[in-house]
């Protein structure tokens, strides 16, 4: 059996293995932290979020200039 066949057999076994499904369990501390962040003034409807567009443009420019070495 060559390496490709072994790899395919391993992947098939993984695909057939049972998986846990259902909602992720979130701690109360995490939920409290999310509530605090959502309550911040800058996260309210109508708040200036123009910085998001600038940040996204900078992110894209940075990775467009990236070169493989």
N, C-alpha and C. Protein backbone atom coordinates (compact mmCIF):
# COMPACT_ATOMS: atom_id res chain seq x y z
N UNK A 1 0.85 -1.18 0.00
CA UNK A 1 0.00 0.00 0.00
C UNK A 1 0.90 1.24 0.00
N UNK A 2 0.65 2.15 -0.93
CA UNK A 2 1.49 3.34 -1.00
C UNK A 2 0.99 4.42 -0.04
N UNK A 3 1.73 5.50 0.03
CA UNK A 3 1.42 6.57 0.99
C UNK A 3 0.07 7.21 0.71
N UNK A 4 -0.30 7.36 -0.56
CA UNK A 4 -1.59 7.96 -0.89
C UNK A 4 -2.74 7.09 -0.39
N UNK A 5 -2.63 5.78 -0.58
CA UNK A 5 -3.69 4.88 -0.12
C UNK A 5 -3.79 4.89 1.40
N UNK A 6 -2.65 4.92 2.07
CA UNK A 6 -2.66 4.98 3.54
C UNK A 6 -3.31 6.28 4.00
N UNK A 7 -2.96 7.38 3.34
CA UNK A 7 -3.55 8.68 3.71
C UNK A 7 -5.06 8.67 3.51
N UNK A 8 -5.51 8.13 2.39
CA UNK A 8 -6.95 8.07 2.14
C UNK A 8 -7.66 7.19 3.16
N UNK A 9 -7.04 6.09 3.56
CA UNK A 9 -7.66 5.21 4.55
C UNK A 9 -7.77 5.92 5.90
N UNK A 10 -6.73 6.65 6.28
CA UNK A 10 -6.77 7.41 7.54
C UNK A 10 -7.86 8.46 7.49
N UNK A 11 -7.96 9.18 6.37
CA UNK A 11 -8.99 10.21 6.23
C UNK A 11 -10.39 9.60 6.27
N UNK A 12 -10.57 8.45 5.66
CA UNK A 12 -11.87 7.78 5.68
C UNK A 12 -12.24 7.37 7.10
N UNK A 13 -11.28 6.84 7.84
CA UNK A 13 -11.54 6.47 9.23
C UNK A 13 -11.94 7.70 10.04
N UNK A 14 -11.27 8.81 9.81
CA UNK A 14 -11.61 10.04 10.51
C UNK A 14 -13.01 10.51 10.13
N UNK A 15 -13.34 10.43 8.85
CA UNK A 15 -14.65 10.88 8.39
C UNK A 15 -15.77 10.05 9.00
N UNK A 16 -15.51 8.77 9.28
CA UNK A 16 -16.52 7.89 9.83
C UNK A 16 -16.61 7.96 11.36
N UNK A 17 -15.63 8.57 12.00
CA UNK A 17 -15.60 8.63 13.46
C UNK A 17 -16.73 9.53 13.97
N UNK A 18 -17.34 9.14 15.09
CA UNK A 18 -18.41 9.99 15.65
C UNK A 18 -17.85 11.33 16.12
N UNK A 19 -18.65 12.35 15.98
CA UNK A 19 -18.23 13.69 16.39
C UNK A 19 -19.22 14.23 17.42
N UNK A 20 -18.69 15.06 18.30
CA UNK A 20 -19.57 15.74 19.23
C UNK A 20 -20.28 16.87 18.49
N UNK A 21 -21.56 16.96 18.70
CA UNK A 21 -22.32 18.04 18.07
C UNK A 21 -23.14 18.73 19.15
N UNK A 22 -23.54 19.91 18.85
CA UNK A 22 -24.34 20.66 19.80
C UNK A 22 -23.70 22.00 20.09
N UNK A 23 -24.36 22.78 20.88
CA UNK A 23 -23.84 24.12 21.17
C UNK A 23 -22.60 24.05 22.05
N UNK A 24 -21.74 25.02 21.86
CA UNK A 24 -20.54 25.13 22.69
C UNK A 24 -20.95 25.61 24.07
N UNK A 25 -20.29 25.10 25.09
CA UNK A 25 -20.57 25.53 26.47
C UNK A 25 -19.76 26.79 26.76
N UNK A 26 -20.45 27.86 27.11
CA UNK A 26 -19.80 29.13 27.41
C UNK A 26 -19.92 29.40 28.91
N UNK A 27 -18.81 29.77 29.51
CA UNK A 27 -18.83 30.04 30.96
C UNK A 27 -19.58 31.34 31.24
N UNK A 28 -20.06 31.47 32.45
CA UNK A 28 -20.75 32.70 32.84
C UNK A 28 -19.80 33.88 32.80
N UNK A 29 -18.54 33.66 33.17
CA UNK A 29 -17.54 34.73 33.11
C UNK A 29 -17.39 35.24 31.68
N UNK A 30 -17.34 34.33 30.71
CA UNK A 30 -17.23 34.73 29.31
C UNK A 30 -18.46 35.52 28.88
N UNK A 31 -19.64 35.03 29.23
CA UNK A 31 -20.88 35.74 28.86
C UNK A 31 -20.93 37.12 29.50
N UNK A 32 -20.46 37.24 30.74
CA UNK A 32 -20.42 38.55 31.40
C UNK A 32 -19.46 39.50 30.68
N UNK A 33 -18.31 38.98 30.25
CA UNK A 33 -17.35 39.80 29.51
C UNK A 33 -17.93 40.28 28.19
N UNK A 34 -18.65 39.41 27.50
CA UNK A 34 -19.29 39.80 26.24
C UNK A 34 -20.32 40.91 26.48
N UNK A 35 -21.09 40.76 27.54
CA UNK A 35 -22.09 41.79 27.86
C UNK A 35 -21.42 43.13 28.13
N UNK A 36 -20.28 43.13 28.83
CA UNK A 36 -19.56 44.38 29.11
C UNK A 36 -19.08 45.04 27.82
N UNK A 37 -18.53 44.25 26.91
CA UNK A 37 -18.02 44.78 25.65
C UNK A 37 -19.17 45.33 24.81
N UNK A 38 -20.28 44.60 24.76
CA UNK A 38 -21.42 45.06 23.98
C UNK A 38 -22.04 46.33 24.55
N UNK A 39 -21.86 46.58 25.84
CA UNK A 39 -22.43 47.77 26.48
C UNK A 39 -21.57 49.01 26.31
N UNK A 40 -20.35 48.87 25.80
CA UNK A 40 -19.48 50.02 25.63
C UNK A 40 -20.10 51.03 24.66
N UNK A 41 -19.85 52.31 24.89
CA UNK A 41 -20.45 53.35 24.03
C UNK A 41 -20.10 53.18 22.55
N UNK A 42 -18.87 52.77 22.25
CA UNK A 42 -18.47 52.63 20.85
C UNK A 42 -19.14 51.44 20.16
N UNK A 43 -19.83 50.60 20.90
CA UNK A 43 -20.51 49.46 20.30
C UNK A 43 -22.02 49.68 20.17
N UNK A 44 -22.46 50.89 20.41
CA UNK A 44 -23.88 51.19 20.32
C UNK A 44 -24.26 51.59 18.90
N UNK A 45 -25.51 51.39 18.60
CA UNK A 45 -26.03 51.79 17.29
C UNK A 45 -25.83 53.29 17.10
N UNK A 46 -25.35 53.68 15.95
CA UNK A 46 -25.12 55.09 15.65
C UNK A 46 -23.73 55.57 16.01
N UNK A 47 -22.95 54.76 16.70
CA UNK A 47 -21.58 55.15 17.05
C UNK A 47 -20.72 55.15 15.78
N UNK A 48 -19.72 56.02 15.76
CA UNK A 48 -18.83 56.11 14.60
C UNK A 48 -17.98 54.84 14.52
N UNK A 49 -18.15 54.12 13.44
CA UNK A 49 -17.39 52.90 13.23
C UNK A 49 -16.57 52.99 11.93
N UNK A 50 -16.29 54.21 11.50
CA UNK A 50 -15.54 54.40 10.26
C UNK A 50 -14.13 53.82 10.37
N UNK A 51 -13.61 53.70 11.58
CA UNK A 51 -12.28 53.14 11.78
C UNK A 51 -12.20 51.70 11.28
N UNK A 52 -13.34 51.00 11.27
CA UNK A 52 -13.34 49.60 10.83
C UNK A 52 -12.94 49.52 9.36
N UNK A 53 -13.45 50.43 8.55
CA UNK A 53 -13.12 50.43 7.12
C UNK A 53 -11.64 50.72 6.91
N UNK A 54 -11.09 51.66 7.67
CA UNK A 54 -9.66 51.96 7.55
C UNK A 54 -8.81 50.77 7.99
N UNK A 55 -9.21 50.13 9.08
CA UNK A 55 -8.46 48.98 9.57
C UNK A 55 -8.49 47.84 8.55
N UNK A 56 -9.66 47.61 7.97
CA UNK A 56 -9.78 46.55 6.96
C UNK A 56 -8.91 46.86 5.74
N UNK A 57 -8.93 48.11 5.29
CA UNK A 57 -8.12 48.50 4.13
C UNK A 57 -6.62 48.33 4.43
N UNK A 58 -6.20 48.71 5.63
CA UNK A 58 -4.80 48.55 6.02
C UNK A 58 -4.42 47.08 6.08
N UNK A 59 -5.29 46.26 6.61
CA UNK A 59 -5.07 44.81 6.69
C UNK A 59 -4.87 44.24 5.29
N UNK A 60 -5.76 44.59 4.37
CA UNK A 60 -5.67 44.07 3.01
C UNK A 60 -4.40 44.54 2.32
N UNK A 61 -4.06 45.84 2.48
CA UNK A 61 -2.85 46.36 1.87
C UNK A 61 -1.61 45.63 2.39
N UNK A 62 -1.59 45.40 3.68
CA UNK A 62 -0.44 44.71 4.28
C UNK A 62 -0.24 43.34 3.65
N UNK A 63 -1.29 42.55 3.54
CA UNK A 63 -1.15 41.19 3.03
C UNK A 63 -1.04 41.13 1.51
N UNK A 64 -1.50 42.17 0.82
CA UNK A 64 -1.31 42.21 -0.64
C UNK A 64 0.16 42.45 -0.97
N UNK A 65 0.88 43.14 -0.08
CA UNK A 65 2.30 43.40 -0.32
C UNK A 65 3.19 42.25 0.14
N UNK A 66 2.64 41.30 0.84
CA UNK A 66 3.44 40.19 1.37
C UNK A 66 4.03 39.39 0.20
N UNK A 67 5.25 38.95 0.38
CA UNK A 67 5.93 38.16 -0.64
C UNK A 67 6.46 36.88 -0.03
N UNK A 68 6.39 35.84 -0.81
CA UNK A 68 6.93 34.55 -0.37
C UNK A 68 8.45 34.59 -0.47
N UNK A 69 9.13 34.09 0.51
CA UNK A 69 10.60 34.10 0.51
C UNK A 69 11.13 32.70 0.33
